[in-house]
Amino acid sequence: MNFPFIIGVAGGSASGKKEVCAYITESLSEKHPRLHRRMATVSLSDFYRPLTADEVELANEGNFNFDHPDAFDWKLLEAFLNDVVAHRPTQVPKFDLVERKRTGYEPFPPTDFILLEGILVLYKRKIRDLQSMHLFVDLDSDARLAATVHRDTVGGNGRQVKPLETILNQWIRFVKPAFEDFVLPTKKHADVIIPRGASNRVALTILLQHIDDLLVTLANVNPFQTPTASELNLHHAHPNRGSIAASLASLSLMSGPHPGTTSAIAAADSEPVSAESSARGTRARAFLTRSPAAASHAPALGAMGGSGLFESAPVMRNTPSPRTASGCSRVHAV
């Protein structure tokens, strides 16, 4: 069966996920004009579940945790992605972040290249398995807080304008704990980790070239022609996440794990991580760190204050406790 190419773009709140998606789509559209008509970016924030009357009241008071996994309609997202994978016409929900409600659905035609962005797009295994590639946009927490303050004080990205006190209160109570508990542990699932967010143009340029090369390699078509969905013949996650990982790993100059690379042992949704999955992420990160292109940009990266293009996830220790939208358990970095 033929599948479209779906890239999951995860990362903390205000880390630059939308900017990364915009860079990828704009760059690929310029190189492949035909592909532009068959590309789409879908936001996890449109898959918030309908809130109860009490939850709407809490949200209006700034007391509802929109960064918690329980805030999302995972079944609807899974059904949507299954339709996308099957190349069936479907619908995407629209959620009004100001009115705190789902406003309806928009038609979503069969699409060949999809970017799914959101803080928790790598959280659920069923959702990950419907993606062809996993990215994690990694930005310093201070920079994310500054971006959040700037965004929410002007009502950016369709959000409600908030006073600074409310923004900081929500960051301390909800955003920061949810990032540590649920978002950061998903970093280990990423094929590619992009430090410094959307400002890391060197990493994005190299990533974009590898996405383009990967599409051509998997499609086995003329690199100067845009492949159609049928030409791509992507086996996708089901047996094909391995094929895509193997394609990334085959370009690596390293035969083993990146020295010093660590893996995360705290599963975001209490699901075991296979040895293949862990090795896949390590190989992909090692490739993108040690590739000739990455090496050629080493001086620029040093000037930008980074030690390398891509980083490994920290080892985590999980402290189990109930997880609800009104309270978060804590996961601590070792």
C-alpha atoms as a PDB file:
ATOM      1  CA  MET A   1       0.000   0.000   0.000  1.00  0.00           C
ATOM      2  CA  ASN A   2       1.170   3.558  -0.690  1.00  0.00           C
ATOM      3  CA  PHE A   3       1.342   6.101   2.096  1.00  0.00           C
ATOM      4  CA  PRO A   4       1.918   9.854   2.353  1.00  0.00           C
ATOM      5  CA  PHE A   5       4.963  11.128   4.216  1.00  0.00           C
ATOM      6  CA  ILE A   6       4.122  12.408   7.713  1.00  0.00           C
ATOM      7  CA  ILE A   7       6.669  14.204   9.899  1.00  0.00           C
ATOM      8  CA  GLY A   8       5.902  14.686  13.589  1.00  0.00           C
ATOM      9  CA  VAL A   9       7.397  17.914  14.972  1.00  0.00           C
ATOM     10  CA  ALA A  10       7.435  17.945  18.786  1.00  0.00           C
ATOM     11  CA  GLY A  11       8.975  20.237  21.396  1.00  0.00           C
ATOM     12  CA  GLY A  12       8.087  22.442  24.318  1.00  0.00           C
ATOM     13  CA  SER A  13       5.603  25.286  24.243  1.00  0.00           C
ATOM     14  CA  ALA A  14       6.948  28.251  22.210  1.00  0.00           C
ATOM     15  CA  SER A  15      10.023  26.292  21.086  1.00  0.00           C
ATOM     16  CA  GLY A  16       9.565  27.249  17.432  1.00  0.00           C
ATOM     17  CA  LYS A  17       7.717  24.210  16.067  1.00  0.00           C
ATOM     18  CA  LYS A  18       5.502  26.240  13.735  1.00  0.00           C
ATOM     19  CA  GLU A  19       8.517  28.169  12.463  1.00  0.00           C
ATOM     20  CA  VAL A  20      10.368  24.916  11.725  1.00  0.00           C
ATOM     21  CA  CYS A  21       7.334  23.607   9.841  1.00  0.00           C
ATOM     22  CA  ALA A  22       7.056  26.849   7.869  1.00  0.00           C
ATOM     23  CA  TYR A  23      10.737  26.671   6.933  1.00  0.00           C
ATOM     24  CA  ILE A  24      10.405  23.082   5.719  1.00  0.00           C
ATOM     25  CA  THR A  25       7.239  23.683   3.694  1.00  0.00           C
ATOM     26  CA  GLU A  26       8.461  26.930   2.146  1.00  0.00           C
ATOM     27  CA  SER A  27      11.815  25.421   1.199  1.00  0.00           C
ATOM     28  CA  LEU A  28      10.334  22.255  -0.292  1.00  0.00           C
ATOM     29  CA  SER A  29       7.680  24.282  -2.123  1.00  0.00           C
ATOM     30  CA  GLU A  30      10.356  26.391  -3.786  1.00  0.00           C
ATOM     31  CA  LYS A  31      12.289  23.321  -4.853  1.00  0.00           C
ATOM     32  CA  HIS A  32       9.250  21.239  -5.834  1.00  0.00           C
ATOM     33  CA  PRO A  33       6.384  23.504  -6.951  1.00  0.00           C
ATOM     34  CA  ARG A  34       4.149  20.513  -7.668  1.00  0.00           C
ATOM     35  CA  LEU A  35       4.546  19.318  -4.092  1.00  0.00           C
ATOM     36  CA  HIS A  36       3.259  22.635  -2.719  1.00  0.00           C
ATOM     37  CA  ARG A  37      -0.300  21.723  -3.720  1.00  0.00           C
ATOM     38  CA  ARG A  38      -0.058  18.449  -1.824  1.00  0.00           C
ATOM     39  CA  MET A  39       1.478  19.684   1.448  1.00  0.00           C
ATOM     40  CA  ALA A  40      -0.210  20.556   4.733  1.00  0.00           C
ATOM     41  CA  THR A  41       0.662  21.463   8.317  1.00  0.00           C
ATOM     42  CA  VAL A  42      -1.666  20.170  11.032  1.00  0.00           C
ATOM     43  CA  SER A  43      -1.549  21.447  14.614  1.00  0.00           C
ATOM     44  CA  LEU A  44      -2.142  19.288  17.672  1.00  0.00           C
ATOM     45  CA  SER A  45      -3.842  22.286  19.293  1.00  0.00           C
ATOM     46  CA  ASP A  46      -6.806  21.750  16.965  1.00  0.00           C
ATOM     47  CA  PHE A  47      -7.279  18.347  18.578  1.00  0.00           C
ATOM     48  CA  TYR A  48      -8.087  19.606  22.050  1.00  0.00           C
ATOM     49  CA  ARG A  49     -11.103  17.709  23.310  1.00  0.00           C
ATOM     50  CA  PRO A  50     -14.366  19.595  23.965  1.00  0.00           C
ATOM     51  CA  LEU A  51     -14.318  21.016  27.482  1.00  0.00           C
ATOM     52  CA  THR A  52     -17.082  20.584  30.018  1.00  0.00           C
ATOM     53  CA  ALA A  53     -18.817  23.673  31.417  1.00  0.00           C
ATOM     54  CA  ASP A  54     -16.751  23.420  34.599  1.00  0.00           C
ATOM     55  CA  GLU A  55     -13.529  23.089  32.594  1.00  0.00           C
ATOM     56  CA  VAL A  56     -14.417  26.130  30.484  1.00  0.00           C
ATOM     57  CA  GLU A  57     -14.854  28.095  33.698  1.00  0.00           C
ATOM     58  CA  LEU A  58     -11.474  26.865  34.936  1.00  0.00           C
ATOM     59  CA  ALA A  59      -9.880  27.763  31.598  1.00  0.00           C
ATOM     60  CA  ASN A  60     -11.349  31.256  31.697  1.00  0.00           C
ATOM     61  CA  GLU A  61      -9.803  31.682  35.139  1.00  0.00           C
ATOM     62  CA  GLY A  62      -6.438  30.408  33.889  1.00  0.00           C
ATOM     63  CA  ASN A  63      -6.739  27.226  35.934  1.00  0.00           C
ATOM     64  CA  PHE A  64      -6.973  24.541  33.232  1.00  0.00           C
ATOM     65  CA  ASN A  65      -3.846  22.728  32.053  1.00  0.00           C
ATOM     66  CA  PHE A  66      -3.864  22.762  28.244  1.00  0.00           C
ATOM     67  CA  ASP A  67      -0.377  21.178  28.183  1.00  0.00           C
ATOM     68  CA  HIS A  68      -1.533  17.953  29.843  1.00  0.00           C
ATOM     69  CA  PRO A  69      -2.107  14.822  27.701  1.00  0.00           C
ATOM     70  CA  ASP A  70      -5.654  14.520  29.063  1.00  0.00           C
ATOM     71  CA  ALA A  71      -6.553  17.780  27.300  1.00  0.00           C
ATOM     72  CA  PHE A  72      -6.328  16.177  23.841  1.00  0.00           C
ATOM     73  CA  ASP A  73      -8.716  14.012  21.825  1.00  0.00           C
ATOM     74  CA  TRP A  74      -6.279  11.230  20.957  1.00  0.00           C
ATOM     75  CA  LYS A  75      -8.874   8.953  19.378  1.00  0.00           C
ATOM     76  CA  LEU A  76      -9.910  11.688  16.966  1.00  0.00           C
ATOM     77  CA  LEU A  77      -6.275  12.363  16.061  1.00  0.00           C
ATOM     78  CA  GLU A  78      -5.629   8.669  15.484  1.00  0.00           C
ATOM     79  CA  ALA A  79      -8.719   8.374  13.271  1.00  0.00           C
ATOM     80  CA  PHE A  80      -7.641  11.460  11.321  1.00  0.00           C
ATOM     81  CA  LEU A  81      -4.119  10.108  10.757  1.00  0.00           C
ATOM     82  CA  ASN A  82      -5.462   6.716   9.707  1.00  0.00           C
ATOM     83  CA  ASP A  83      -7.526   8.481   7.034  1.00  0.00           C
ATOM     84  CA  VAL A  84      -4.481  10.478   5.965  1.00  0.00           C
ATOM     85  CA  VAL A  85      -2.313   7.366   5.791  1.00  0.00           C
ATOM     86  CA  ALA A  86      -4.953   5.597   3.691  1.00  0.00           C
ATOM     87  CA  HIS A  87      -5.084   8.647   1.402  1.00  0.00           C
ATOM     88  CA  ARG A  88      -8.785   9.105   2.108  1.00  0.00           C
ATOM     89  CA  PRO A  89     -10.568  12.476   2.174  1.00  0.00           C
ATOM     90  CA  THR A  90     -11.220  13.387   5.794  1.00  0.00           C
ATOM     91  CA  GLN A  91     -11.845  16.331   8.105  1.00  0.00           C
ATOM     92  CA  VAL A  92      -9.621  18.206  10.530  1.00  0.00           C
ATOM     93  CA  PRO A  93     -11.182  19.812  13.636  1.00  0.00           C
ATOM     94  CA  LYS A  94     -10.706  23.486  14.416  1.00  0.00           C
ATOM     95  CA  PHE A  95     -10.364  24.630  18.025  1.00  0.00           C
ATOM     96  CA  ASP A  96     -10.793  28.268  19.070  1.00  0.00           C
ATOM     97  CA  LEU A  97      -8.231  28.957  21.803  1.00  0.00           C
ATOM     98  CA  VAL A  98      -9.974  32.187  22.775  1.00  0.00           C
ATOM     99  CA  GLU A  99     -13.504  30.778  23.010  1.00  0.00           C
ATOM    100  CA  ARG A 100     -12.163  27.493  24.490  1.00  0.00           C
ATOM    101  CA  LYS A 101     -14.240  25.329  22.174  1.00  0.00           C
ATOM    102  CA  ARG A 102     -14.207  23.278  18.999  1.00  0.00           C
ATOM    103  CA  THR A 103     -15.777  25.412  16.291  1.00  0.00           C
ATOM    104  CA  GLY A 104     -16.242  22.773  13.604  1.00  0.00           C
ATOM    105  CA  TYR A 105     -14.362  20.792  10.987  1.00  0.00           C
ATOM    106  CA  GLU A 106     -12.636  21.632   7.724  1.00  0.00           C
ATOM    107  CA  PRO A 107     -12.278  19.299   4.719  1.00  0.00           C
ATOM    108  CA  PHE A 108      -8.859  17.686   4.418  1.00  0.00           C
ATOM    109  CA  PRO A 109      -8.205  16.174   0.969  1.00  0.00           C
ATOM    110  CA  PRO A 110      -5.691  13.370   0.319  1.00  0.00           C
ATOM    111  CA  THR A 111      -2.273  14.888   0.919  1.00  0.00           C
ATOM    112  CA  ASP A 112       1.212  13.582   0.150  1.00  0.00           C
ATOM    113  CA  PHE A 113       3.364  15.484   2.663  1.00  0.00           C
ATOM    114  CA  ILE A 114       2.091  16.378   6.137  1.00  0.00           C
ATOM    115  CA  LEU A 115       3.777  18.107   9.059  1.00  0.00           C
ATOM    116  CA  LEU A 116       2.062  17.329  12.369  1.00  0.00           C
ATOM    117  CA  GLU A 117       3.240  19.819  14.984  1.00  0.00           C
ATOM    118  CA  GLY A 118       2.509  20.003  18.685  1.00  0.00           C
ATOM    119  CA  ILE A 119       4.005  19.593  22.126  1.00  0.00           C
ATOM    120  CA  LEU A 120       2.939  15.950  22.457  1.00  0.00           C
ATOM    121  CA  VAL A 121       2.880  14.542  18.920  1.00  0.00           C
ATOM    122  CA  LEU A 122       5.472  11.933  20.006  1.00  0.00           C
ATOM    123  CA  TYR A 123       3.676  11.045  23.247  1.00  0.00           C
ATOM    124  CA  LYS A 124       1.369   8.237  22.131  1.00  0.00           C
ATOM    125  CA  ARG A 125       2.826   5.171  20.460  1.00  0.00           C
ATOM    126  CA  LYS A 126      -0.149   4.757  18.105  1.00  0.00           C
ATOM    127  CA  ILE A 127       0.305   8.336  16.942  1.00  0.00           C
ATOM    128  CA  ARG A 128       4.081   7.940  16.549  1.00  0.00           C
ATOM    129  CA  ASP A 129       3.632   4.791  14.515  1.00  0.00           C
ATOM    130  CA  LEU A 130       1.555   6.679  11.962  1.00  0.00           C
ATOM    131  CA  GLN A 131       4.429   9.114  11.365  1.00  0.00           C
ATOM    132  CA  SER A 132       7.290   8.597   8.936  1.00  0.00           C
ATOM    133  CA  MET A 133       9.832  10.726  10.785  1.00  0.00           C
ATOM    134  CA  HIS A 134      10.067  12.277  14.260  1.00  0.00           C
ATOM    135  CA  LEU A 135      11.608  15.682  15.003  1.00  0.00           C
ATOM    136  CA  PHE A 136      12.098  17.396  18.361  1.00  0.00           C
ATOM    137  CA  VAL A 137      12.638  21.159  18.482  1.00  0.00           C
ATOM    138  CA  ASP A 138      14.777  21.822  21.554  1.00  0.00           C
ATOM    139  CA  LEU A 139      14.955  25.355  22.919  1.00  0.00           C
ATOM    140  CA  ASP A 140      16.246  26.602  26.273  1.00  0.00           C
ATOM    141  CA  SER A 141      13.474  27.026  28.843  1.00  0.00           C
ATOM    142  CA  ASP A 142      14.325  30.696  29.423  1.00  0.00           C
ATOM    143  CA  ALA A 143      14.009  31.389  25.707  1.00  0.00           C
ATOM    144  CA  ARG A 144      10.704  29.520  25.584  1.00  0.00           C
ATOM    145  CA  LEU A 145       9.369  31.520  28.526  1.00  0.00           C
ATOM    146  CA  ALA A 146      10.387  34.780  26.846  1.00  0.00           C
ATOM    147  CA  ALA A 147       8.695  33.671  23.616  1.00  0.00           C
ATOM    148  CA  THR A 148       5.582  32.670  25.562  1.00  0.00           C
ATOM    149  CA  VAL A 149       5.386  36.075  27.242  1.00  0.00           C
ATOM    150  CA  HIS A 150       5.775  37.836  23.902  1.00  0.00           C
ATOM    151  CA  ARG A 151       3.186  35.622  22.203  1.00  0.00           C
ATOM    152  CA  ASP A 152       0.533  35.722  24.912  1.00  0.00           C
ATOM    153  CA  THR A 153       0.753  39.431  25.678  1.00  0.00           C
ATOM    154  CA  VAL A 154      -0.192  40.191  22.059  1.00  0.00           C
ATOM    155  CA  GLY A 155      -2.477  37.205  21.464  1.00  0.00           C
ATOM    156  CA  GLY A 156      -0.234  35.493  18.911  1.00  0.00           C
ATOM    157  CA  ASN A 157      -1.148  32.202  17.178  1.00  0.00           C
ATOM    158  CA  GLY A 158      -4.839  32.800  17.784  1.00  0.00           C
ATOM    159  CA  ARG A 159      -4.436  32.856  21.557  1.00  0.00           C
ATOM    160  CA  GLN A 160      -6.127  34.978  24.155  1.00  0.00           C
ATOM    161  CA  VAL A 161      -4.298  38.112  25.312  1.00  0.00           C
ATOM    162  CA  LYS A 162      -3.190  37.581  28.916  1.00  0.00           C
ATOM    163  CA  PRO A 163      -1.659  39.788  31.609  1.00  0.00           C
ATOM    164  CA  LEU A 164       1.930  39.003  32.524  1.00  0.00           C
ATOM    165  CA  GLU A 165       0.972  37.727  35.981  1.00  0.00           C
ATOM    166  CA  THR A 166      -1.371  35.132  34.453  1.00  0.00           C
ATOM    167  CA  ILE A 167       1.256  34.016  31.938  1.00  0.00           C
ATOM    168  CA  LEU A 168       3.893  33.491  34.620  1.00  0.00           C
ATOM    169  CA  ASN A 169       1.437  31.746  36.927  1.00  0.00           C
ATOM    170  CA  GLN A 170       0.395  29.303  34.196  1.00  0.00           C
ATOM    171  CA  TRP A 171       4.022  28.704  33.268  1.00  0.00           C
ATOM    172  CA  ILE A 172       4.955  27.766  36.825  1.00  0.00           C
ATOM    173  CA  ARG A 173       1.814  25.725  37.557  1.00  0.00           C
ATOM    174  CA  PHE A 174       1.202  24.001  34.229  1.00  0.00           C
ATOM    175  CA  VAL A 175       3.565  24.620  31.321  1.00  0.00           C
ATOM    176  CA  LYS A 176       6.924  23.924  32.992  1.00  0.00           C
ATOM    177  CA  PRO A 177       5.793  20.816  34.957  1.00  0.00           C
ATOM    178  CA  ALA A 178       3.992  19.391  31.906  1.00  0.00           C
ATOM    179  CA  PHE A 179       7.112  19.889  29.800  1.00  0.00           C
ATOM    180  CA  GLU A 180       9.261  18.058  32.337  1.00  0.00           C
ATOM    181  CA  ASP A 181       6.725  15.274  32.891  1.00  0.00           C
ATOM    182  CA  PHE A 182       5.351  14.597  29.428  1.00  0.00           C
ATOM    183  CA  VAL A 183       7.092  16.530  26.651  1.00  0.00           C
ATOM    184  CA  LEU A 184      10.790  16.167  27.473  1.00  0.00           C
ATOM    185  CA  PRO A 185      10.631  12.358  27.875  1.00  0.00           C
ATOM    186  CA  THR A 186       9.385  12.082  24.263  1.00  0.00           C
ATOM    187  CA  LYS A 187      12.675  13.532  23.066  1.00  0.00           C
ATOM    188  CA  LYS A 188      14.101  10.019  23.042  1.00  0.00           C
ATOM    189  CA  HIS A 189      11.704   9.045  20.247  1.00  0.00           C
ATOM    190  CA  ALA A 190      13.061  11.701  17.883  1.00  0.00           C
ATOM    191  CA  ASP A 191      15.029  10.783  14.783  1.00  0.00           C
ATOM    192  CA  VAL A 192      16.363  14.327  14.757  1.00  0.00           C
ATOM    193  CA  ILE A 193      16.749  16.776  17.658  1.00  0.00           C
ATOM    194  CA  ILE A 194      17.144  20.434  16.668  1.00  0.00           C
ATOM    195  CA  PRO A 195      18.769  22.512  19.427  1.00  0.00           C
ATOM    196  CA  ARG A 196      18.210  26.271  19.603  1.00  0.00           C
ATOM    197  CA  GLY A 197      14.900  25.946  17.793  1.00  0.00           C
ATOM    198  CA  ALA A 198      14.034  27.591  14.489  1.00  0.00           C
ATOM    199  CA  SER A 199      17.018  29.962  14.722  1.00  0.00           C
ATOM    200  CA  ASN A 200      19.372  27.042  14.025  1.00  0.00           C
ATOM    201  CA  ARG A 201      19.337  27.543  10.250  1.00  0.00           C
ATOM    202  CA  VAL A 202      22.426  25.419   9.722  1.00  0.00           C
ATOM    203  CA  ALA A 203      20.754  22.373  11.244  1.00  0.00           C
ATOM    204  CA  LEU A 204      17.489  23.093   9.405  1.00  0.00           C
ATOM    205  CA  THR A 205      19.288  23.375   6.072  1.00  0.00           C
ATOM    206  CA  ILE A 206      21.022  20.045   6.583  1.00  0.00           C
ATOM    207  CA  LEU A 207      17.792  18.459   7.830  1.00  0.00           C
ATOM    208  CA  LEU A 208      15.919  19.761   4.797  1.00  0.00           C
ATOM    209  CA  GLN A 209      18.492  18.281   2.443  1.00  0.00           C
ATOM    210  CA  HIS A 210      18.199  14.908   4.145  1.00  0.00           C
ATOM    211  CA  ILE A 211      14.392  15.017   3.979  1.00  0.00           C
ATOM    212  CA  ASP A 212      14.641  15.759   0.277  1.00  0.00           C
ATOM    213  CA  ASP A 213      17.237  13.028  -0.260  1.00  0.00           C
ATOM    214  CA  LEU A 214      15.159  10.579   1.747  1.00  0.00           C
ATOM    215  CA  LEU A 215      12.046  11.264  -0.312  1.00  0.00           C
ATOM    216  CA  VAL A 216      14.011  10.708  -3.505  1.00  0.00           C
ATOM    217  CA  THR A 217      15.710   7.577  -2.159  1.00  0.00           C
ATOM    218  CA  LEU A 218      12.461   6.008  -0.989  1.00  0.00           C
ATOM    219  CA  ALA A 219      10.629   7.036  -4.143  1.00  0.00           C
ATOM    220  CA  ASN A 220      13.429   5.853  -6.431  1.00  0.00           C
ATOM    221  CA  VAL A 221      12.466   8.533  -8.940  1.00  0.00           C
ATOM    222  CA  ASN A 222      14.244  11.279 -10.866  1.00  0.00           C
ATOM    223  CA  PRO A 223      15.538  13.774  -8.271  1.00  0.00           C
ATOM    224  CA  PHE A 224      14.448  16.637 -10.536  1.00  0.00           C
ATOM    225  CA  GLN A 225      10.818  15.522 -10.494  1.00  0.00           C
ATOM    226  CA  THR A 226       8.424  15.778  -7.581  1.00  0.00           C
ATOM    227  CA  PRO A 227       7.250  12.260  -6.631  1.00  0.00           C
ATOM    228  CA  THR A 228       3.552  11.577  -6.400  1.00  0.00           C
ATOM    229  CA  ALA A 229       2.038   9.583  -3.549  1.00  0.00           C
ATOM    230  CA  SER A 230       1.957   6.451  -5.688  1.00  0.00           C
ATOM    231  CA  GLU A 231       5.586   6.948  -6.708  1.00  0.00           C
ATOM    232  CA  LEU A 232       6.718   7.353  -3.129  1.00  0.00           C
ATOM    233  CA  ASN A 233       5.484   3.892  -2.151  1.00  0.00           C
ATOM    234  CA  LEU A 234       6.366   4.584   1.460  1.00  0.00           C
ATOM    235  CA  HIS A 235       5.638   1.601   3.657  1.00  0.00           C
ATOM    236  CA  HIS A 236       5.336   4.110   6.479  1.00  0.00           C
ATOM    237  CA  ALA A 237       5.596   3.077  10.070  1.00  0.00           C
ATOM    238  CA  HIS A 238       4.109  -0.343   9.944  1.00  0.00           C
ATOM    239  CA  PRO A 239       6.814  -2.137   8.477  1.00  0.00           C
ATOM    240  CA  ASN A 240       8.555   0.963   7.294  1.00  0.00           C
ATOM    241  CA  ARG A 241       9.653   3.157  10.137  1.00  0.00           C
ATOM    242  CA  GLY A 242      12.613   0.768  10.074  1.00  0.00           C
ATOM    243  CA  SER A 243      13.221   1.407   6.364  1.00  0.00           C
ATOM    244  CA  ILE A 244      13.293   5.156   6.894  1.00  0.00           C
ATOM    245  CA  ALA A 245      15.585   4.798   9.902  1.00  0.00           C
ATOM    246  CA  ALA A 246      17.804   2.475   7.897  1.00  0.00           C
ATOM    247  CA  SER A 247      17.987   5.077   5.128  1.00  0.00           C
ATOM    248  CA  LEU A 248      19.135   7.671   7.654  1.00  0.00           C
ATOM    249  CA  ALA A 249      21.549   5.259   9.290  1.00  0.00           C
ATOM    250  CA  SER A 250      22.991   4.162   5.941  1.00  0.00           C
ATOM    251  CA  LEU A 251      24.304   7.684   5.398  1.00  0.00           C
ATOM    252  CA  SER A 252      26.107   7.656   8.731  1.00  0.00           C
ATOM    253  CA  LEU A 253      29.878   7.611   8.888  1.00  0.00           C
ATOM    254  CA  MET A 254      29.675   5.787  12.186  1.00  0.00           C
ATOM    255  CA  SER A 255      29.127   2.090  12.688  1.00  0.00           C
ATOM    256  CA  GLY A 256      28.089   2.391  16.314  1.00  0.00           C
ATOM    257  CA  PRO A 257      26.337   4.739  18.719  1.00  0.00           C
ATOM    258  CA  HIS A 258      27.589   8.258  19.083  1.00  0.00           C
ATOM    259  CA  PRO A 259      30.160   8.343  21.896  1.00  0.00           C
ATOM    260  CA  GLY A 260      28.572   9.756  24.998  1.00  0.00           C
ATOM    261  CA  THR A 261      25.043   9.381  23.686  1.00  0.00           C
ATOM    262  CA  THR A 262      22.562   8.444  26.390  1.00  0.00           C
ATOM    263  CA  SER A 263      19.035   7.157  26.116  1.00  0.00           C
ATOM    264  CA  ALA A 264      15.972   8.069  28.146  1.00  0.00           C
ATOM    265  CA  ILE A 265      14.428   5.316  30.235  1.00  0.00           C
ATOM    266  CA  ALA A 266      11.257   7.058  31.386  1.00  0.00           C
ATOM    267  CA  ALA A 267       8.511   6.238  28.866  1.00  0.00           C
ATOM    268  CA  ALA A 268       6.146   9.126  28.275  1.00  0.00           C
ATOM    269  CA  ASP A 269       3.072   6.915  28.214  1.00  0.00           C
ATOM    270  CA  SER A 270       4.375   3.934  30.178  1.00  0.00           C
ATOM    271  CA  GLU A 271       5.122   2.047  26.982  1.00  0.00           C
ATOM    272  CA  PRO A 272       8.314  -0.009  26.616  1.00  0.00           C
ATOM    273  CA  VAL A 273      10.826   1.291  24.102  1.00  0.00           C
ATOM    274  CA  SER A 274      12.224  -1.392  21.825  1.00  0.00           C
ATOM    275  CA  ALA A 275      15.956  -1.783  21.326  1.00  0.00           C
ATOM    276  CA  GLU A 276      15.428  -1.063  17.627  1.00  0.00           C
ATOM    277  CA  SER A 277      13.620   2.182  18.383  1.00  0.00           C
ATOM    278  CA  SER A 278      16.328   3.352  20.767  1.00  0.00           C
ATOM    279  CA  ALA A 279      19.080   2.411  18.329  1.00  0.00           C
ATOM    280  CA  ARG A 280      17.189   4.103  15.495  1.00  0.00           C
ATOM    281  CA  GLY A 281      17.174   7.439  17.271  1.00  0.00           C
ATOM    282  CA  THR A 282      20.830   7.124  18.262  1.00  0.00           C
ATOM    283  CA  ARG A 283      21.909   6.232  14.725  1.00  0.00           C
ATOM    284  CA  ALA A 284      19.958   9.108  13.206  1.00  0.00           C
ATOM    285  CA  ARG A 285      21.384  11.610  15.683  1.00  0.00           C
ATOM    286  CA  ALA A 286      24.894  10.242  15.197  1.00  0.00           C
ATOM    287  CA  PHE A 287      24.534  10.562  11.426  1.00  0.00           C
ATOM    288  CA  LEU A 288      23.351  14.144  11.570  1.00  0.00           C
ATOM    289  CA  THR A 289      26.104  15.066  14.013  1.00  0.00           C
ATOM    290  CA  ARG A 290      28.947  13.369  12.174  1.00  0.00           C
ATOM    291  CA  SER A 291      27.907  13.757   8.525  1.00  0.00           C
ATOM    292  CA  PRO A 292      30.371  15.576   6.204  1.00  0.00           C
ATOM    293  CA  ALA A 293      27.878  18.429   5.837  1.00  0.00           C
ATOM    294  CA  ALA A 294      27.625  18.807   9.596  1.00  0.00           C
ATOM    295  CA  ALA A 295      31.386  18.693   9.954  1.00  0.00           C
ATOM    296  CA  SER A 296      31.806  21.405   7.323  1.00  0.00           C
ATOM    297  CA  HIS A 297      29.563  23.692   9.372  1.00  0.00           C
ATOM    298  CA  ALA A 298      31.361  23.086  12.669  1.00  0.00           C
ATOM    299  CA  PRO A 299      32.901  26.584  12.878  1.00  0.00           C
ATOM    300  CA  ALA A 300      29.529  28.210  12.315  1.00  0.00           C
ATOM    301  CA  LEU A 301      27.980  26.048  14.994  1.00  0.00           C
ATOM    302  CA  GLY A 302      30.717  26.983  17.408  1.00  0.00           C
ATOM    303  CA  ALA A 303      30.096  30.637  16.731  1.00  0.00           C
ATOM    304  CA  MET A 304      26.418  30.096  17.416  1.00  0.00           C
ATOM    305  CA  GLY A 305      27.260  28.747  20.845  1.00  0.00           C
ATOM    306  CA  GLY A 306      26.312  25.150  20.154  1.00  0.00           C
ATOM    307  CA  SER A 307      28.471  22.103  20.688  1.00  0.00           C
ATOM    308  CA  GLY A 308      26.850  20.211  17.815  1.00  0.00           C
ATOM    309  CA  LEU A 309      23.849  20.080  15.554  1.00  0.00           C
ATOM    310  CA  PHE A 310      21.941  17.419  17.370  1.00  0.00           C
ATOM    311  CA  GLU A 311      21.838  16.290  20.967  1.00  0.00           C
ATOM    312  CA  SER A 312      21.001  13.126  22.853  1.00  0.00           C
ATOM    313  CA  ALA A 313      18.176  12.917  25.361  1.00  0.00           C
ATOM    314  CA  PRO A 314      19.110  12.943  29.066  1.00  0.00           C
ATOM    315  CA  VAL A 315      18.637   9.876  31.188  1.00  0.00           C
ATOM    316  CA  MET A 316      15.421  10.340  33.121  1.00  0.00           C
ATOM    317  CA  ARG A 317      14.086   8.918  36.354  1.00  0.00           C
ATOM    318  CA  ASN A 318      10.333   8.657  36.683  1.00  0.00           C
ATOM    319  CA  THR A 319       8.527   9.359  39.942  1.00  0.00           C
ATOM    320  CA  PRO A 320       5.094   7.750  39.502  1.00  0.00           C
ATOM    321  CA  SER A 321       2.055   9.705  40.629  1.00  0.00           C
ATOM    322  CA  PRO A 322      -1.480  10.307  39.315  1.00  0.00           C
ATOM    323  CA  ARG A 323      -1.598  12.268  36.076  1.00  0.00           C
ATOM    324  CA  THR A 324      -4.620  14.462  35.490  1.00  0.00           C
ATOM    325  CA  ALA A 325      -5.328  17.762  33.761  1.00  0.00           C
ATOM    326  CA  SER A 326      -5.442  19.461  37.150  1.00  0.00           C
ATOM    327  CA  GLY A 327      -2.137  18.117  38.453  1.00  0.00           C
ATOM    328  CA  CYS A 328       1.125  16.722  37.111  1.00  0.00           C
ATOM    329  CA  SER A 329       3.558  14.090  38.290  1.00  0.00           C
ATOM    330  CA  ARG A 330       7.227  14.983  38.106  1.00  0.00           C
ATOM    331  CA  VAL A 331      10.045  13.476  36.057  1.00  0.00           C
ATOM    332  CA  HIS A 332      13.511  14.550  37.116  1.00  0.00           C
ATOM    333  CA  ALA A 333      16.650  14.657  35.006  1.00  0.00           C
ATOM    334  CA  VAL A 334      19.499  12.697  36.519  1.00  0.00           C
END
